[in-house]
Amino acid sequence: MVLKNSKEMAKLAIAGLEEKKANDIKILDISDVSVLADYFIIASGSNRNQVQAMADEVEERLYKAGYEQKQIEGYQTANWILMDYQDIIVHIFDEENRLFYDLERIWRDGKVVSEEELEA
């Protein structure tokens, strides 16, 4: 069962990613297959500056809403930034590393959800 605040966090993160023109945003509901989080949000950017800007925007929106970041990794290199908020985990890739790591395939047991489904 996905908690209401994880949906709210996911919506805020997605809005931040969209603000910075993220490519191919995917939302995976992993609540039934893992205790890691309720949602994985996966997106990619074209270059290091865009990937970092996307992470900055997500962090700012969630912080302003009162959500504490548990951990962030990969910000300096910006080929894969992992932002852990416990209930949601945001993965921001450059294009090459997104293809290489292919989290959508690895976590295919998770359910792909749309932004509209988050509203429900």
N, C-alpha and C. Protein backbone atom coordinates (compact mmCIF):
# COMPACT_ATOMS: atom_id res chain seq x y z
N MET A 1 0.84 -1.20 0.00
CA MET A 1 0.00 0.00 0.00
C MET A 1 0.88 1.25 0.00
N VAL A 2 0.71 2.06 -1.01
CA VAL A 2 1.51 3.29 -1.15
C VAL A 2 0.90 4.39 -0.29
N LEU A 3 1.73 5.02 0.49
CA LEU A 3 1.26 6.10 1.36
C LEU A 3 1.02 7.38 0.58
N LYS A 4 0.09 8.19 1.09
CA LYS A 4 -0.26 9.44 0.42
C LYS A 4 0.95 10.36 0.26
N ASN A 5 1.81 10.44 1.30
CA ASN A 5 2.93 11.37 1.18
C ASN A 5 3.95 10.93 0.14
N SER A 6 4.06 9.63 -0.14
CA SER A 6 4.99 9.21 -1.19
C SER A 6 4.46 9.64 -2.56
N LYS A 7 3.14 9.63 -2.73
CA LYS A 7 2.56 10.13 -3.99
C LYS A 7 2.83 11.63 -4.12
N GLU A 8 2.66 12.35 -3.02
CA GLU A 8 2.90 13.80 -3.03
C GLU A 8 4.38 14.08 -3.34
N MET A 9 5.26 13.33 -2.73
CA MET A 9 6.70 13.50 -2.99
C MET A 9 7.00 13.21 -4.46
N ALA A 10 6.42 12.16 -4.99
CA ALA A 10 6.65 11.80 -6.39
C ALA A 10 6.18 12.91 -7.32
N LYS A 11 5.00 13.47 -7.03
CA LYS A 11 4.48 14.56 -7.87
C LYS A 11 5.40 15.78 -7.84
N LEU A 12 5.90 16.11 -6.66
CA LEU A 12 6.82 17.25 -6.53
C LEU A 12 8.12 16.99 -7.31
N ALA A 13 8.65 15.78 -7.18
CA ALA A 13 9.90 15.44 -7.89
C ALA A 13 9.69 15.51 -9.40
N ILE A 14 8.57 14.99 -9.87
CA ILE A 14 8.29 15.00 -11.31
C ILE A 14 8.13 16.42 -11.82
N ALA A 15 7.45 17.26 -11.04
CA ALA A 15 7.31 18.67 -11.44
C ALA A 15 8.68 19.34 -11.57
N GLY A 16 9.58 19.03 -10.65
CA GLY A 16 10.93 19.58 -10.71
C GLY A 16 11.68 19.09 -11.94
N LEU A 17 11.53 17.81 -12.23
CA LEU A 17 12.20 17.25 -13.42
C LEU A 17 11.65 17.87 -14.70
N GLU A 18 10.33 18.02 -14.75
CA GLU A 18 9.71 18.63 -15.94
C GLU A 18 10.13 20.08 -16.11
N GLU A 19 10.26 20.79 -14.99
CA GLU A 19 10.69 22.19 -15.03
C GLU A 19 12.05 22.33 -15.72
N LYS A 20 12.92 21.35 -15.51
CA LYS A 20 14.27 21.40 -16.10
C LYS A 20 14.37 20.54 -17.37
N LYS A 21 13.21 20.27 -17.98
CA LYS A 21 13.15 19.60 -19.29
C LYS A 21 13.76 18.20 -19.31
N ALA A 22 13.47 17.43 -18.28
CA ALA A 22 13.96 16.03 -18.21
C ALA A 22 13.41 15.22 -19.39
N ASN A 23 14.19 14.27 -19.83
CA ASN A 23 13.78 13.37 -20.90
C ASN A 23 13.22 12.08 -20.31
N ASP A 24 12.16 11.58 -20.92
CA ASP A 24 11.64 10.23 -20.67
C ASP A 24 11.49 9.91 -19.18
N ILE A 25 10.64 10.66 -18.49
CA ILE A 25 10.40 10.42 -17.07
C ILE A 25 9.55 9.16 -16.91
N LYS A 26 10.04 8.24 -16.09
CA LYS A 26 9.30 7.01 -15.81
C LYS A 26 9.06 6.93 -14.30
N ILE A 27 7.86 6.48 -13.94
CA ILE A 27 7.50 6.30 -12.54
C ILE A 27 7.24 4.82 -12.34
N LEU A 28 8.00 4.20 -11.45
CA LEU A 28 7.81 2.78 -11.15
C LEU A 28 7.32 2.63 -9.72
N ASP A 29 6.17 2.00 -9.57
CA ASP A 29 5.66 1.67 -8.24
C ASP A 29 6.31 0.35 -7.85
N ILE A 30 7.23 0.41 -6.90
CA ILE A 30 7.95 -0.80 -6.48
C ILE A 30 7.51 -1.25 -5.09
N SER A 31 6.41 -0.69 -4.59
CA SER A 31 5.98 -0.97 -3.21
C SER A 31 5.65 -2.44 -2.99
N ASP A 32 5.23 -3.14 -4.03
CA ASP A 32 4.89 -4.56 -3.88
C ASP A 32 6.08 -5.49 -4.08
N VAL A 33 7.20 -4.97 -4.58
CA VAL A 33 8.34 -5.83 -4.89
C VAL A 33 9.59 -5.51 -4.06
N SER A 34 9.56 -4.41 -3.29
CA SER A 34 10.74 -4.03 -2.53
C SER A 34 10.35 -3.21 -1.31
N VAL A 35 11.18 -3.30 -0.29
CA VAL A 35 11.00 -2.44 0.88
C VAL A 35 11.85 -1.17 0.79
N LEU A 36 12.59 -1.04 -0.30
CA LEU A 36 13.47 0.13 -0.48
C LEU A 36 12.69 1.43 -0.50
N ALA A 37 11.57 1.44 -1.23
CA ALA A 37 10.80 2.66 -1.42
C ALA A 37 9.45 2.29 -2.03
N ASP A 38 8.57 3.29 -2.13
CA ASP A 38 7.31 3.09 -2.83
C ASP A 38 7.48 3.32 -4.33
N TYR A 39 8.25 4.36 -4.67
CA TYR A 39 8.43 4.71 -6.07
C TYR A 39 9.90 4.90 -6.44
N PHE A 40 10.24 4.47 -7.63
CA PHE A 40 11.46 4.88 -8.32
C PHE A 40 11.00 5.88 -9.38
N ILE A 41 11.66 7.01 -9.45
CA ILE A 41 11.42 7.95 -10.53
C ILE A 41 12.71 8.02 -11.32
N ILE A 42 12.61 7.75 -12.60
CA ILE A 42 13.79 7.66 -13.46
C ILE A 42 13.64 8.70 -14.57
N ALA A 43 14.70 9.47 -14.78
CA ALA A 43 14.69 10.48 -15.84
C ALA A 43 16.11 10.65 -16.35
N SER A 44 16.22 11.31 -17.49
CA SER A 44 17.55 11.56 -18.01
C SER A 44 17.66 12.97 -18.57
N GLY A 45 18.90 13.41 -18.64
CA GLY A 45 19.22 14.73 -19.18
C GLY A 45 20.30 14.61 -20.24
N SER A 46 20.47 15.66 -20.99
CA SER A 46 21.38 15.64 -22.13
C SER A 46 22.84 15.85 -21.76
N ASN A 47 23.08 16.56 -20.66
CA ASN A 47 24.47 16.86 -20.29
C ASN A 47 24.57 17.04 -18.78
N ARG A 48 25.80 17.15 -18.31
CA ARG A 48 26.08 17.24 -16.87
C ARG A 48 25.33 18.41 -16.21
N ASN A 49 25.35 19.57 -16.86
CA ASN A 49 24.70 20.74 -16.27
C ASN A 49 23.19 20.53 -16.12
N GLN A 50 22.57 19.94 -17.13
CA GLN A 50 21.13 19.69 -17.05
C GLN A 50 20.82 18.66 -15.97
N VAL A 51 21.60 17.59 -15.90
CA VAL A 51 21.39 16.55 -14.89
C VAL A 51 21.50 17.16 -13.49
N GLN A 52 22.50 17.99 -13.26
CA GLN A 52 22.66 18.63 -11.95
C GLN A 52 21.52 19.62 -11.67
N ALA A 53 21.11 20.36 -12.69
CA ALA A 53 20.00 21.31 -12.52
C ALA A 53 18.71 20.57 -12.16
N MET A 54 18.49 19.41 -12.77
CA MET A 54 17.32 18.61 -12.44
C MET A 54 17.37 18.17 -10.98
N ALA A 55 18.52 17.71 -10.53
CA ALA A 55 18.67 17.29 -9.13
C ALA A 55 18.46 18.47 -8.19
N ASP A 56 19.00 19.62 -8.53
CA ASP A 56 18.84 20.81 -7.70
C ASP A 56 17.37 21.19 -7.56
N GLU A 57 16.65 21.14 -8.68
CA GLU A 57 15.23 21.52 -8.68
C GLU A 57 14.39 20.54 -7.85
N VAL A 58 14.66 19.26 -8.00
CA VAL A 58 13.94 18.24 -7.21
C VAL A 58 14.23 18.46 -5.73
N GLU A 59 15.50 18.65 -5.39
CA GLU A 59 15.88 18.84 -3.99
C GLU A 59 15.20 20.07 -3.40
N GLU A 60 15.18 21.16 -4.15
CA GLU A 60 14.58 22.40 -3.65
C GLU A 60 13.08 22.24 -3.41
N ARG A 61 12.38 21.63 -4.37
CA ARG A 61 10.92 21.46 -4.23
C ARG A 61 10.57 20.56 -3.04
N LEU A 62 11.29 19.47 -2.89
CA LEU A 62 10.99 18.56 -1.78
C LEU A 62 11.37 19.19 -0.44
N TYR A 63 12.48 19.92 -0.41
CA TYR A 63 12.90 20.59 0.82
C TYR A 63 11.86 21.62 1.27
N LYS A 64 11.38 22.42 0.31
CA LYS A 64 10.38 23.45 0.63
C LYS A 64 9.08 22.83 1.13
N ALA A 65 8.79 21.60 0.69
CA ALA A 65 7.59 20.91 1.13
C ALA A 65 7.82 20.17 2.46
N GLY A 66 9.05 20.24 2.97
CA GLY A 66 9.34 19.65 4.28
C GLY A 66 9.85 18.23 4.26
N TYR A 67 10.25 17.74 3.08
CA TYR A 67 10.75 16.37 2.99
C TYR A 67 12.27 16.35 3.09
N GLU A 68 12.76 15.52 3.99
CA GLU A 68 14.20 15.41 4.22
C GLU A 68 14.84 14.40 3.27
N GLN A 69 15.94 14.81 2.69
CA GLN A 69 16.70 13.90 1.84
C GLN A 69 17.55 13.00 2.73
N LYS A 70 17.45 11.71 2.50
CA LYS A 70 18.25 10.77 3.29
C LYS A 70 19.67 10.73 2.76
N GLN A 71 19.81 10.73 1.44
CA GLN A 71 21.14 10.59 0.84
C GLN A 71 21.09 11.03 -0.62
N ILE A 72 22.21 11.55 -1.09
CA ILE A 72 22.37 11.83 -2.51
C ILE A 72 23.75 11.33 -2.92
N GLU A 73 23.80 10.69 -4.07
CA GLU A 73 25.07 10.18 -4.58
C GLU A 73 25.21 10.53 -6.05
N GLY A 74 26.45 10.76 -6.47
CA GLY A 74 26.75 10.94 -7.88
C GLY A 74 26.60 12.35 -8.40
N TYR A 75 26.38 13.32 -7.51
CA TYR A 75 26.13 14.69 -7.97
C TYR A 75 27.32 15.26 -8.74
N GLN A 76 28.52 15.05 -8.24
CA GLN A 76 29.70 15.66 -8.87
C GLN A 76 29.93 15.16 -10.30
N THR A 77 29.85 13.85 -10.49
CA THR A 77 30.08 13.32 -11.84
C THR A 77 28.85 13.49 -12.72
N ALA A 78 27.66 13.44 -12.12
CA ALA A 78 26.39 13.69 -12.79
C ALA A 78 26.11 12.76 -13.97
N ASN A 79 26.69 11.53 -13.95
CA ASN A 79 26.24 10.59 -14.97
C ASN A 79 25.11 9.72 -14.41
N TRP A 80 25.00 9.62 -13.09
CA TRP A 80 23.85 8.99 -12.43
C TRP A 80 23.75 9.59 -11.04
N ILE A 81 22.76 10.43 -10.85
CA ILE A 81 22.51 11.00 -9.53
C ILE A 81 21.37 10.21 -8.89
N LEU A 82 21.64 9.70 -7.69
CA LEU A 82 20.63 8.96 -6.95
C LEU A 82 20.23 9.81 -5.75
N MET A 83 18.95 10.10 -5.65
CA MET A 83 18.43 10.92 -4.56
C MET A 83 17.46 10.06 -3.75
N ASP A 84 17.84 9.77 -2.51
CA ASP A 84 17.05 8.87 -1.67
C ASP A 84 16.23 9.69 -0.67
N TYR A 85 14.92 9.59 -0.79
CA TYR A 85 14.00 10.24 0.14
C TYR A 85 13.19 9.20 0.92
N GLN A 86 13.72 8.02 1.05
CA GLN A 86 13.09 6.87 1.71
C GLN A 86 11.84 6.39 1.00
N ASP A 87 10.79 7.19 0.92
CA ASP A 87 9.56 6.76 0.26
C ASP A 87 9.69 6.77 -1.26
N ILE A 88 10.51 7.67 -1.76
CA ILE A 88 10.79 7.70 -3.20
C ILE A 88 12.30 7.76 -3.41
N ILE A 89 12.74 7.20 -4.52
CA ILE A 89 14.14 7.31 -4.92
C ILE A 89 14.15 7.85 -6.34
N VAL A 90 14.85 8.96 -6.52
CA VAL A 90 14.91 9.61 -7.83
C VAL A 90 16.26 9.27 -8.45
N HIS A 91 16.21 8.75 -9.67
CA HIS A 91 17.41 8.42 -10.44
C HIS A 91 17.47 9.36 -11.63
N ILE A 92 18.51 10.16 -11.70
CA ILE A 92 18.68 11.08 -12.83
C ILE A 92 19.97 10.70 -13.55
N PHE A 93 19.82 10.32 -14.80
CA PHE A 93 20.94 9.82 -15.60
C PHE A 93 21.29 10.76 -16.73
N ASP A 94 22.54 10.64 -17.22
CA ASP A 94 22.80 11.13 -18.57
C ASP A 94 22.31 10.03 -19.51
N GLU A 95 22.17 10.33 -20.78
CA GLU A 95 21.55 9.38 -21.72
C GLU A 95 22.32 8.06 -21.79
N GLU A 96 23.63 8.14 -21.86
CA GLU A 96 24.46 6.94 -22.02
C GLU A 96 24.33 5.98 -20.84
N ASN A 97 24.40 6.52 -19.63
CA ASN A 97 24.32 5.67 -18.44
C ASN A 97 22.91 5.13 -18.21
N ARG A 98 21.91 5.87 -18.63
CA ARG A 98 20.55 5.34 -18.50
C ARG A 98 20.39 4.09 -19.35
N LEU A 99 20.90 4.13 -20.56
CA LEU A 99 20.84 2.95 -21.42
C LEU A 99 21.66 1.81 -20.84
N PHE A 100 22.83 2.13 -20.32
CA PHE A 100 23.72 1.10 -19.79
C PHE A 100 23.12 0.40 -18.57
N TYR A 101 22.62 1.16 -17.60
CA TYR A 101 22.12 0.56 -16.37
C TYR A 101 20.70 0.01 -16.51
N ASP A 102 19.90 0.59 -17.39
CA ASP A 102 18.57 0.06 -17.75
C ASP A 102 17.76 -0.37 -16.53
N LEU A 103 17.54 0.58 -15.61
CA LEU A 103 16.79 0.26 -14.38
C LEU A 103 15.37 -0.22 -14.67
N GLU A 104 14.78 0.27 -15.75
CA GLU A 104 13.42 -0.15 -16.09
C GLU A 104 13.37 -1.67 -16.31
N ARG A 105 14.42 -2.22 -16.91
CA ARG A 105 14.47 -3.67 -17.13
C ARG A 105 14.74 -4.40 -15.82
N ILE A 106 15.70 -3.91 -15.05
CA ILE A 106 16.06 -4.56 -13.79
C ILE A 106 14.87 -4.58 -12.83
N TRP A 107 14.09 -3.53 -12.82
CA TRP A 107 12.95 -3.41 -11.91
C TRP A 107 11.63 -3.64 -12.63
N ARG A 108 11.64 -4.49 -13.64
CA ARG A 108 10.43 -4.72 -14.45
C ARG A 108 9.28 -5.32 -13.66
N ASP A 109 9.55 -5.87 -12.47
CA ASP A 109 8.47 -6.37 -11.63
C ASP A 109 7.67 -5.22 -11.00
N GLY A 110 8.25 -4.04 -11.01
CA GLY A 110 7.52 -2.86 -10.54
C GLY A 110 6.48 -2.47 -11.57
N LYS A 111 5.48 -1.73 -11.14
CA LYS A 111 4.40 -1.33 -12.03
C LYS A 111 4.66 0.09 -12.53
N VAL A 112 4.70 0.25 -13.85
CA VAL A 112 4.85 1.59 -14.42
C VAL A 112 3.53 2.32 -14.21
N VAL A 113 3.62 3.51 -13.61
CA VAL A 113 2.41 4.30 -13.38
C VAL A 113 2.55 5.65 -14.10
N SER A 114 1.41 6.22 -14.43
CA SER A 114 1.40 7.52 -15.10
C SER A 114 1.25 8.62 -14.05
N GLU A 115 1.51 9.85 -14.47
CA GLU A 115 1.30 10.99 -13.56
C GLU A 115 -0.16 11.05 -13.13
N GLU A 116 -1.06 10.72 -14.05
CA GLU A 116 -2.49 10.75 -13.75
C GLU A 116 -2.82 9.76 -12.63
N GLU A 117 -2.19 8.60 -12.65
CA GLU A 117 -2.44 7.61 -11.61
C GLU A 117 -1.96 8.08 -10.23
N LEU A 118 -0.95 8.94 -10.20
CA LEU A 118 -0.49 9.50 -8.93
C LEU A 118 -1.55 10.42 -8.34
N GLU A 119 -2.35 11.03 -9.19
CA GLU A 119 -3.40 11.94 -8.73
C GLU A 119 -4.54 11.19 -8.04
N ALA A 120 -4.71 9.92 -8.41
CA ALA A 120 -5.85 9.13 -7.89
C ALA A 120 -5.72 8.83 -6.42
